[in-house]
Amino acid sequence: MSNTKRKVSNNRREARKTGGGPPPEEMSSMEDQVVGIIGDTPLDGIDGGIDTASFTDTSMDLSMPSWVKPSEKKGGGGGDMIELSISGATNRATPTRNIITTASTMEDSSTKQLVQIEKGRLNIDKERLQVEKDSLRLKEVLLKRDLPLKRKDFA
């Protein structure tokens, strides 16, 4: 499995490069299935690094992973054989779905905030226009009052 991980890692690294050169190694169908099952997990760590994962049990669980199902069969030579079958990874949630959901939720909340800001701006513009309208009406009333007085001066 580590060879498959390494191969996927190298293929991704090569895909990011530009320029010519030989194409990356082709993946076999078995390797594709392995990649589908393990998902996006870290491929290589730091040599001599310390594992920082916290475990609730001090003993390690050495049982088979949930996606590997052992079944016993009787062998032709009288011995028992254990056959491992790997179930599909359809029941595992992929991290990209979580990222997309989180991103769309963030977009929705950002959009709602922008709509609220724009509504506030529109309300302020409405109030400003109403104040201008009122001041123009006041000027109109004052001009109408002063106009008869000025006409008498010209007569």
N, C-alpha and C. Protein backbone atom coordinates (compact mmCIF):
# COMPACT_ATOMS: atom_id res chain seq x y z
N MET A 1 0.82 -1.19 0.00
CA MET A 1 0.00 0.00 0.00
C MET A 1 0.87 1.25 0.00
N SER A 2 2.02 1.20 0.68
CA SER A 2 2.87 2.38 0.71
C SER A 2 3.46 2.68 -0.66
N ASN A 3 3.69 1.64 -1.47
CA ASN A 3 4.16 1.88 -2.84
C ASN A 3 3.10 2.62 -3.65
N THR A 4 1.85 2.24 -3.45
CA THR A 4 0.75 2.91 -4.15
C THR A 4 0.66 4.36 -3.71
N LYS A 5 0.77 4.59 -2.41
CA LYS A 5 0.74 5.97 -1.90
C LYS A 5 1.86 6.79 -2.51
N ARG A 6 3.03 6.21 -2.54
CA ARG A 6 4.19 6.92 -3.08
C ARG A 6 3.98 7.24 -4.57
N LYS A 7 3.41 6.27 -5.29
CA LYS A 7 3.16 6.46 -6.72
C LYS A 7 2.16 7.60 -6.95
N VAL A 8 1.09 7.62 -6.15
CA VAL A 8 0.09 8.69 -6.26
C VAL A 8 0.73 10.03 -5.95
N SER A 9 1.54 10.07 -4.90
CA SER A 9 2.22 11.30 -4.52
C SER A 9 3.12 11.81 -5.64
N ASN A 10 3.89 10.91 -6.23
CA ASN A 10 4.77 11.30 -7.33
C ASN A 10 3.97 11.78 -8.54
N ASN A 11 2.86 11.11 -8.85
CA ASN A 11 2.03 11.53 -9.98
C ASN A 11 1.45 12.92 -9.76
N ARG A 12 1.01 13.20 -8.53
CA ARG A 12 0.48 14.54 -8.24
C ARG A 12 1.57 15.60 -8.36
N ARG A 13 2.74 15.28 -7.85
CA ARG A 13 3.85 16.22 -7.92
C ARG A 13 4.22 16.49 -9.38
N GLU A 14 4.26 15.45 -10.19
CA GLU A 14 4.60 15.60 -11.61
C GLU A 14 3.52 16.39 -12.35
N ALA A 15 2.27 16.22 -11.95
CA ALA A 15 1.17 16.92 -12.63
C ALA A 15 1.27 18.43 -12.42
N ARG A 16 1.84 18.86 -11.30
CA ARG A 16 1.97 20.30 -11.03
C ARG A 16 3.13 20.93 -11.79
N LYS A 17 4.05 20.12 -12.25
CA LYS A 17 5.20 20.66 -12.97
C LYS A 17 4.80 21.05 -14.38
N THR A 18 5.56 21.97 -14.94
CA THR A 18 5.32 22.36 -16.32
C THR A 18 6.51 21.91 -17.16
N GLY A 19 6.29 21.84 -18.43
CA GLY A 19 7.39 21.47 -19.31
C GLY A 19 7.24 20.06 -19.84
N GLY A 20 8.25 19.61 -20.55
CA GLY A 20 8.21 18.30 -21.18
C GLY A 20 8.63 17.21 -20.22
N GLY A 21 9.05 16.13 -20.80
CA GLY A 21 9.50 15.00 -20.00
C GLY A 21 8.57 13.82 -20.17
N PRO A 22 8.96 12.70 -19.60
CA PRO A 22 8.12 11.51 -19.75
C PRO A 22 6.84 11.64 -18.93
N PRO A 23 5.77 10.99 -19.38
CA PRO A 23 4.52 11.06 -18.62
C PRO A 23 4.65 10.29 -17.31
N PRO A 24 3.83 10.62 -16.32
CA PRO A 24 3.90 9.89 -15.05
C PRO A 24 3.48 8.43 -15.23
N GLU A 25 3.86 7.60 -14.26
CA GLU A 25 3.54 6.18 -14.32
C GLU A 25 2.02 6.00 -14.33
N GLU A 26 1.56 5.02 -15.11
CA GLU A 26 0.13 4.71 -15.15
C GLU A 26 -0.26 3.95 -13.89
N MET A 27 -1.47 4.19 -13.42
CA MET A 27 -1.98 3.50 -12.23
C MET A 27 -2.78 2.28 -12.69
N SER A 28 -2.56 1.14 -12.04
CA SER A 28 -3.35 -0.05 -12.35
C SER A 28 -4.72 0.09 -11.71
N SER A 29 -5.66 -0.77 -12.12
CA SER A 29 -7.01 -0.69 -11.56
C SER A 29 -7.00 -1.01 -10.07
N MET A 30 -6.13 -1.92 -9.66
CA MET A 30 -6.02 -2.26 -8.23
C MET A 30 -5.52 -1.05 -7.44
N GLU A 31 -4.53 -0.35 -7.99
CA GLU A 31 -4.01 0.84 -7.32
C GLU A 31 -5.08 1.93 -7.24
N ASP A 32 -5.89 2.06 -8.29
CA ASP A 32 -7.00 3.02 -8.26
C ASP A 32 -7.98 2.68 -7.14
N GLN A 33 -8.27 1.39 -6.96
CA GLN A 33 -9.18 0.98 -5.90
C GLN A 33 -8.58 1.28 -4.53
N VAL A 34 -7.28 1.02 -4.37
CA VAL A 34 -6.62 1.30 -3.10
C VAL A 34 -6.70 2.78 -2.79
N VAL A 35 -6.44 3.62 -3.80
CA VAL A 35 -6.50 5.07 -3.60
C VAL A 35 -7.92 5.49 -3.25
N GLY A 36 -8.92 4.87 -3.89
CA GLY A 36 -10.31 5.19 -3.58
C GLY A 36 -10.68 4.84 -2.16
N ILE A 37 -10.09 3.78 -1.64
CA ILE A 37 -10.41 3.34 -0.28
C ILE A 37 -9.71 4.20 0.76
N ILE A 38 -8.43 4.46 0.56
CA ILE A 38 -7.68 5.21 1.58
C ILE A 38 -7.97 6.69 1.54
N GLY A 39 -8.43 7.21 0.42
CA GLY A 39 -8.74 8.63 0.32
C GLY A 39 -7.49 9.49 0.36
N ASP A 40 -7.67 10.75 0.71
CA ASP A 40 -6.54 11.68 0.80
C ASP A 40 -5.95 11.65 2.20
N THR A 41 -4.93 10.87 2.37
CA THR A 41 -4.23 10.80 3.65
C THR A 41 -2.81 11.26 3.43
N PRO A 42 -2.15 11.75 4.46
CA PRO A 42 -0.76 12.14 4.30
C PRO A 42 0.06 10.95 3.82
N LEU A 43 0.93 11.19 2.85
CA LEU A 43 1.67 10.09 2.26
C LEU A 43 3.03 9.90 2.90
N ASP A 44 3.76 10.93 3.11
CA ASP A 44 5.10 10.82 3.68
C ASP A 44 5.22 11.79 4.84
N GLY A 45 5.87 11.37 5.89
CA GLY A 45 6.09 12.24 7.02
C GLY A 45 7.53 12.70 7.07
N ILE A 46 7.92 13.25 8.18
CA ILE A 46 9.29 13.72 8.38
C ILE A 46 10.08 12.57 9.00
N ASP A 47 11.25 12.27 8.42
CA ASP A 47 12.09 11.22 8.97
C ASP A 47 12.49 11.57 10.39
N GLY A 48 12.29 10.62 11.29
CA GLY A 48 12.66 10.86 12.69
C GLY A 48 11.66 11.73 13.42
N GLY A 49 10.52 12.01 12.81
CA GLY A 49 9.52 12.87 13.44
C GLY A 49 8.79 12.14 14.55
N ILE A 50 8.05 12.90 15.34
CA ILE A 50 7.30 12.34 16.46
C ILE A 50 5.83 12.38 16.10
N ASP A 51 5.13 11.27 16.32
CA ASP A 51 3.70 11.20 16.05
C ASP A 51 2.97 11.97 17.14
N THR A 52 2.14 12.92 16.74
CA THR A 52 1.47 13.77 17.72
C THR A 52 0.00 13.42 17.88
N ALA A 53 -0.46 12.34 17.25
CA ALA A 53 -1.86 11.96 17.37
C ALA A 53 -2.14 11.50 18.79
N SER A 54 -3.30 11.85 19.30
CA SER A 54 -3.65 11.42 20.65
C SER A 54 -4.57 10.22 20.56
N PHE A 55 -4.24 9.19 21.32
CA PHE A 55 -5.05 7.98 21.35
C PHE A 55 -5.72 7.89 22.71
N THR A 56 -6.98 7.42 22.72
CA THR A 56 -7.66 7.26 24.00
C THR A 56 -7.20 6.01 24.71
N ASP A 57 -6.87 4.96 23.96
CA ASP A 57 -6.34 3.73 24.55
C ASP A 57 -4.83 3.74 24.45
N THR A 58 -4.18 3.15 25.46
CA THR A 58 -2.73 3.04 25.37
C THR A 58 -2.34 1.86 24.51
N SER A 59 -3.23 0.87 24.39
CA SER A 59 -2.91 -0.27 23.53
C SER A 59 -3.43 0.02 22.14
N MET A 60 -2.69 -0.45 21.16
CA MET A 60 -3.09 -0.20 19.78
C MET A 60 -4.09 -1.25 19.34
N ASP A 61 -5.04 -0.87 18.56
CA ASP A 61 -6.02 -1.79 18.03
C ASP A 61 -5.44 -2.44 16.78
N LEU A 62 -5.14 -3.73 16.88
CA LEU A 62 -4.52 -4.43 15.77
C LEU A 62 -5.54 -5.19 14.94
N SER A 63 -6.82 -4.92 15.12
CA SER A 63 -7.83 -5.60 14.34
C SER A 63 -7.85 -5.05 12.92
N MET A 64 -8.55 -5.76 12.06
CA MET A 64 -8.64 -5.35 10.66
C MET A 64 -9.45 -4.06 10.56
N PRO A 65 -9.11 -3.20 9.62
CA PRO A 65 -9.91 -2.00 9.40
C PRO A 65 -11.34 -2.38 9.01
N SER A 66 -12.27 -1.45 9.18
CA SER A 66 -13.67 -1.75 8.93
C SER A 66 -13.96 -2.06 7.47
N TRP A 67 -13.11 -1.62 6.57
CA TRP A 67 -13.35 -1.86 5.15
C TRP A 67 -12.78 -3.18 4.67
N VAL A 68 -12.09 -3.93 5.55
CA VAL A 68 -11.57 -5.26 5.21
C VAL A 68 -12.39 -6.28 5.98
N LYS A 69 -13.02 -7.22 5.25
CA LYS A 69 -13.86 -8.22 5.89
C LYS A 69 -13.26 -9.60 5.66
N PRO A 70 -12.78 -10.27 6.74
CA PRO A 70 -12.23 -11.61 6.57
C PRO A 70 -13.35 -12.64 6.49
N SER A 71 -13.15 -13.67 5.69
CA SER A 71 -14.09 -14.78 5.63
C SER A 71 -13.28 -16.06 5.53
N GLU A 72 -13.66 -17.08 6.31
CA GLU A 72 -12.90 -18.32 6.34
C GLU A 72 -13.42 -19.28 5.28
N LYS A 73 -12.50 -19.99 4.64
CA LYS A 73 -12.84 -21.01 3.65
C LYS A 73 -12.01 -22.24 3.93
N LYS A 74 -12.52 -23.37 3.58
CA LYS A 74 -11.78 -24.63 3.72
C LYS A 74 -10.88 -24.79 2.52
N GLY A 75 -9.62 -25.01 2.78
CA GLY A 75 -8.67 -25.20 1.69
C GLY A 75 -8.67 -26.63 1.19
N GLY A 76 -8.11 -26.85 0.01
CA GLY A 76 -8.04 -28.18 -0.57
C GLY A 76 -7.12 -29.09 0.21
N GLY A 77 -6.12 -28.59 0.89
CA GLY A 77 -5.17 -29.40 1.63
C GLY A 77 -5.62 -29.68 3.05
N GLY A 78 -6.86 -29.40 3.39
CA GLY A 78 -7.35 -29.69 4.72
C GLY A 78 -7.21 -28.52 5.68
N GLY A 79 -6.42 -27.50 5.33
CA GLY A 79 -6.25 -26.35 6.21
C GLY A 79 -7.28 -25.28 5.95
N ASP A 80 -7.46 -24.41 6.91
CA ASP A 80 -8.38 -23.29 6.75
C ASP A 80 -7.65 -22.14 6.06
N MET A 81 -8.37 -21.46 5.19
CA MET A 81 -7.82 -20.29 4.51
C MET A 81 -8.66 -19.08 4.91
N ILE A 82 -8.01 -17.96 5.04
CA ILE A 82 -8.74 -16.72 5.32
C ILE A 82 -8.65 -15.86 4.07
N GLU A 83 -9.81 -15.47 3.59
CA GLU A 83 -9.86 -14.63 2.40
C GLU A 83 -10.30 -13.24 2.83
N LEU A 84 -9.58 -12.25 2.39
CA LEU A 84 -9.92 -10.87 2.74
C LEU A 84 -10.65 -10.24 1.57
N SER A 85 -11.76 -9.63 1.85
CA SER A 85 -12.46 -8.89 0.80
C SER A 85 -12.51 -7.43 1.22
N ILE A 86 -12.26 -6.58 0.27
CA ILE A 86 -12.23 -5.14 0.53
C ILE A 86 -13.54 -4.56 0.03
N SER A 87 -14.28 -3.95 0.93
CA SER A 87 -15.54 -3.34 0.53
C SER A 87 -15.26 -1.97 -0.07
N GLY A 88 -16.20 -1.49 -0.86
CA GLY A 88 -16.05 -0.18 -1.50
C GLY A 88 -16.05 0.94 -0.48
N ALA A 89 -15.53 2.05 -0.87
CA ALA A 89 -15.42 3.20 0.03
C ALA A 89 -16.61 4.14 -0.11
N THR A 90 -17.75 3.59 -0.55
CA THR A 90 -18.90 4.47 -0.76
C THR A 90 -19.48 5.00 0.53
N ASN A 91 -19.26 4.27 1.65
CA ASN A 91 -19.84 4.75 2.90
C ASN A 91 -18.94 5.75 3.61
N ARG A 92 -17.75 5.98 3.12
CA ARG A 92 -16.85 6.94 3.74
C ARG A 92 -17.12 8.33 3.18
N ALA A 93 -17.16 9.29 4.05
CA ALA A 93 -17.35 10.68 3.61
C ALA A 93 -16.02 11.22 3.12
N THR A 94 -16.04 11.85 1.97
CA THR A 94 -14.81 12.41 1.44
C THR A 94 -14.60 13.80 1.99
N PRO A 95 -13.36 14.18 2.27
CA PRO A 95 -13.10 15.50 2.83
C PRO A 95 -13.49 16.62 1.89
N THR A 96 -13.46 16.38 0.57
CA THR A 96 -13.80 17.46 -0.36
C THR A 96 -15.25 17.88 -0.20
N ARG A 97 -16.13 16.93 0.10
CA ARG A 97 -17.53 17.30 0.32
C ARG A 97 -17.66 18.22 1.52
N ASN A 98 -16.93 17.91 2.58
CA ASN A 98 -16.97 18.75 3.78
C ASN A 98 -16.44 20.14 3.47
N ILE A 99 -15.37 20.21 2.69
CA ILE A 99 -14.78 21.50 2.34
C ILE A 99 -15.76 22.30 1.50
N ILE A 100 -16.39 21.64 0.53
CA ILE A 100 -17.34 22.34 -0.34
C ILE A 100 -18.52 22.83 0.49
N THR A 101 -19.02 21.99 1.40
CA THR A 101 -20.14 22.40 2.24
C THR A 101 -19.76 23.59 3.10
N THR A 102 -18.58 23.55 3.70
CA THR A 102 -18.11 24.66 4.52
C THR A 102 -17.96 25.92 3.69
N ALA A 103 -17.39 25.78 2.48
CA ALA A 103 -17.20 26.94 1.62
C ALA A 103 -18.55 27.53 1.21
N SER A 104 -19.52 26.67 0.86
CA SER A 104 -20.81 27.21 0.45
C SER A 104 -21.53 27.85 1.63
N THR A 105 -21.36 27.30 2.83
CA THR A 105 -21.96 27.92 4.01
C THR A 105 -21.35 29.28 4.26
N MET A 106 -20.03 29.38 4.10
CA MET A 106 -19.36 30.66 4.28
C MET A 106 -19.84 31.65 3.24
N GLU A 107 -20.01 31.19 1.99
CA GLU A 107 -20.50 32.08 0.93
C GLU A 107 -21.90 32.56 1.26
N ASP A 108 -22.76 31.65 1.76
CA ASP A 108 -24.12 32.03 2.11
C ASP A 108 -24.13 33.09 3.21
N SER A 109 -23.32 32.90 4.25
CA SER A 109 -23.31 33.88 5.34
C SER A 109 -22.70 35.20 4.86
N SER A 110 -21.69 35.13 4.01
CA SER A 110 -21.10 36.36 3.46
C SER A 110 -22.11 37.08 2.58
N THR A 111 -22.86 36.32 1.79
CA THR A 111 -23.87 36.92 0.93
C THR A 111 -24.95 37.59 1.78
N LYS A 112 -25.37 36.93 2.84
CA LYS A 112 -26.38 37.52 3.72
C LYS A 112 -25.87 38.81 4.35
N GLN A 113 -24.61 38.82 4.76
CA GLN A 113 -24.03 40.03 5.34
C GLN A 113 -24.00 41.15 4.30
N LEU A 114 -23.61 40.82 3.07
CA LEU A 114 -23.57 41.84 2.02
C LEU A 114 -24.96 42.40 1.74
N VAL A 115 -25.97 41.53 1.71
CA VAL A 115 -27.34 41.99 1.48
C VAL A 115 -27.78 42.93 2.60
N GLN A 116 -27.46 42.58 3.85
CA GLN A 116 -27.81 43.45 4.97
C GLN A 116 -27.11 44.80 4.88
N ILE A 117 -25.85 44.80 4.49
CA ILE A 117 -25.10 46.06 4.34
C ILE A 117 -25.73 46.91 3.25
N GLU A 118 -26.08 46.30 2.12
CA GLU A 118 -26.69 47.05 1.03
C GLU A 118 -28.06 47.61 1.44
N LYS A 119 -28.83 46.83 2.19
CA LYS A 119 -30.13 47.33 2.68
C LYS A 119 -29.92 48.54 3.58
N GLY A 120 -28.91 48.49 4.43
CA GLY A 120 -28.60 49.63 5.29
C GLY A 120 -28.23 50.85 4.49
N ARG A 121 -27.42 50.66 3.45
CA ARG A 121 -27.02 51.79 2.59
C ARG A 121 -28.24 52.39 1.90
N LEU A 122 -29.14 51.53 1.41
CA LEU A 122 -30.34 52.03 0.74
C LEU A 122 -31.21 52.82 1.71
N ASN A 123 -31.34 52.36 2.94
CA ASN A 123 -32.13 53.10 3.93
C ASN A 123 -31.50 54.46 4.21
N ILE A 124 -30.19 54.51 4.31
CA ILE A 124 -29.50 55.79 4.54
C ILE A 124 -29.72 56.72 3.35
N ASP A 125 -29.63 56.19 2.13
CA ASP A 125 -29.88 57.01 0.94
C ASP A 125 -31.32 57.53 0.93
N LYS A 126 -32.28 56.68 1.31
CA LYS A 126 -33.68 57.12 1.38
C LYS A 126 -33.84 58.28 2.36
N GLU A 127 -33.24 58.13 3.53
CA GLU A 127 -33.34 59.18 4.55
C GLU A 127 -32.69 60.47 4.05
N ARG A 128 -31.55 60.37 3.39
CA ARG A 128 -30.85 61.55 2.87
C ARG A 128 -31.72 62.26 1.83
N LEU A 129 -32.32 61.48 0.94
CA LEU A 129 -33.18 62.08 -0.09
C LEU A 129 -34.42 62.72 0.54
N GLN A 130 -34.96 62.11 1.59
CA GLN A 130 -36.11 62.70 2.27
C GLN A 130 -35.74 64.04 2.91
N VAL A 131 -34.55 64.12 3.51
CA VAL A 131 -34.09 65.38 4.11
C VAL A 131 -33.92 66.44 3.03
N GLU A 132 -33.34 66.06 1.89
CA GLU A 132 -33.19 67.03 0.79
C GLU A 132 -34.55 67.50 0.29
N LYS A 133 -35.49 66.58 0.19
CA LYS A 133 -36.84 66.92 -0.27
C LYS A 133 -37.49 67.92 0.69
N ASP A 134 -37.37 67.64 1.99
CA ASP A 134 -37.95 68.53 2.99
C ASP A 134 -37.30 69.92 2.95
N SER A 135 -35.98 69.97 2.77
CA SER A 135 -35.31 71.28 2.73
C SER A 135 -35.72 72.05 1.47
N LEU A 136 -35.93 71.38 0.36
CA LEU A 136 -36.40 72.06 -0.85
C LEU A 136 -37.82 72.60 -0.68
N ARG A 137 -38.68 71.84 -0.01
CA ARG A 137 -40.04 72.33 0.26
C ARG A 137 -40.00 73.56 1.15
N LEU A 138 -39.13 73.53 2.14
CA LEU A 138 -39.00 74.67 3.05
C LEU A 138 -38.52 75.90 2.28
N LYS A 139 -37.53 75.72 1.42
CA LYS A 139 -37.05 76.85 0.60
C LYS A 139 -38.15 77.38 -0.29
N GLU A 140 -38.95 76.47 -0.84
CA GLU A 140 -40.05 76.88 -1.71
C GLU A 140 -41.07 77.73 -0.94
N VAL A 141 -41.41 77.30 0.26
CA VAL A 141 -42.36 78.05 1.09
C VAL A 141 -41.80 79.42 1.43
N LEU A 142 -40.51 79.49 1.80
CA LEU A 142 -39.90 80.77 2.14
C LEU A 142 -39.85 81.69 0.93
N LEU A 143 -39.57 81.16 -0.23
CA LEU A 143 -39.54 81.99 -1.44
C LEU A 143 -40.93 82.52 -1.77
N LYS A 144 -41.95 81.71 -1.58
CA LYS A 144 -43.31 82.17 -1.87
C LYS A 144 -43.73 83.29 -0.91
N ARG A 145 -43.29 83.24 0.32
CA ARG A 145 -43.61 84.29 1.29
C ARG A 145 -42.89 85.59 0.93
N ASP A 146 -41.63 85.49 0.53
CA ASP A 146 -40.85 86.68 0.22
C ASP A 146 -41.23 87.27 -1.13
N LEU A 147 -41.75 86.52 -2.01
CA LEU A 147 -42.05 87.00 -3.36
C LEU A 147 -43.07 88.14 -3.37
N PRO A 148 -44.20 88.08 -2.63
CA PRO A 148 -45.13 89.22 -2.65
C PRO A 148 -44.50 90.49 -2.09
N LEU A 149 -43.63 90.37 -1.10
CA LEU A 149 -42.98 91.55 -0.54
C LEU A 149 -42.08 92.20 -1.58
N LYS A 150 -41.37 91.42 -2.32
CA LYS A 150 -40.45 91.97 -3.33
C LYS A 150 -41.22 92.58 -4.49
N ARG A 151 -42.41 92.09 -4.80
CA ARG A 151 -43.20 92.66 -5.89
C ARG A 151 -43.68 94.08 -5.52
N LYS A 152 -43.98 94.28 -4.25
CA LYS A 152 -44.41 95.60 -3.81
C LYS A 152 -43.27 96.60 -3.97
N ASP A 153 -42.06 96.14 -3.75
CA ASP A 153 -40.91 97.02 -3.87
C ASP A 153 -40.73 97.49 -5.31
N PHE A 154 -41.08 96.66 -6.26
CA PHE A 154 -40.89 97.02 -7.67
C PHE A 154 -42.03 97.87 -8.21
N ALA A 155 -43.17 97.95 -7.55
CA ALA A 155 -44.32 98.68 -8.08
C ALA A 155 -44.25 100.14 -7.89
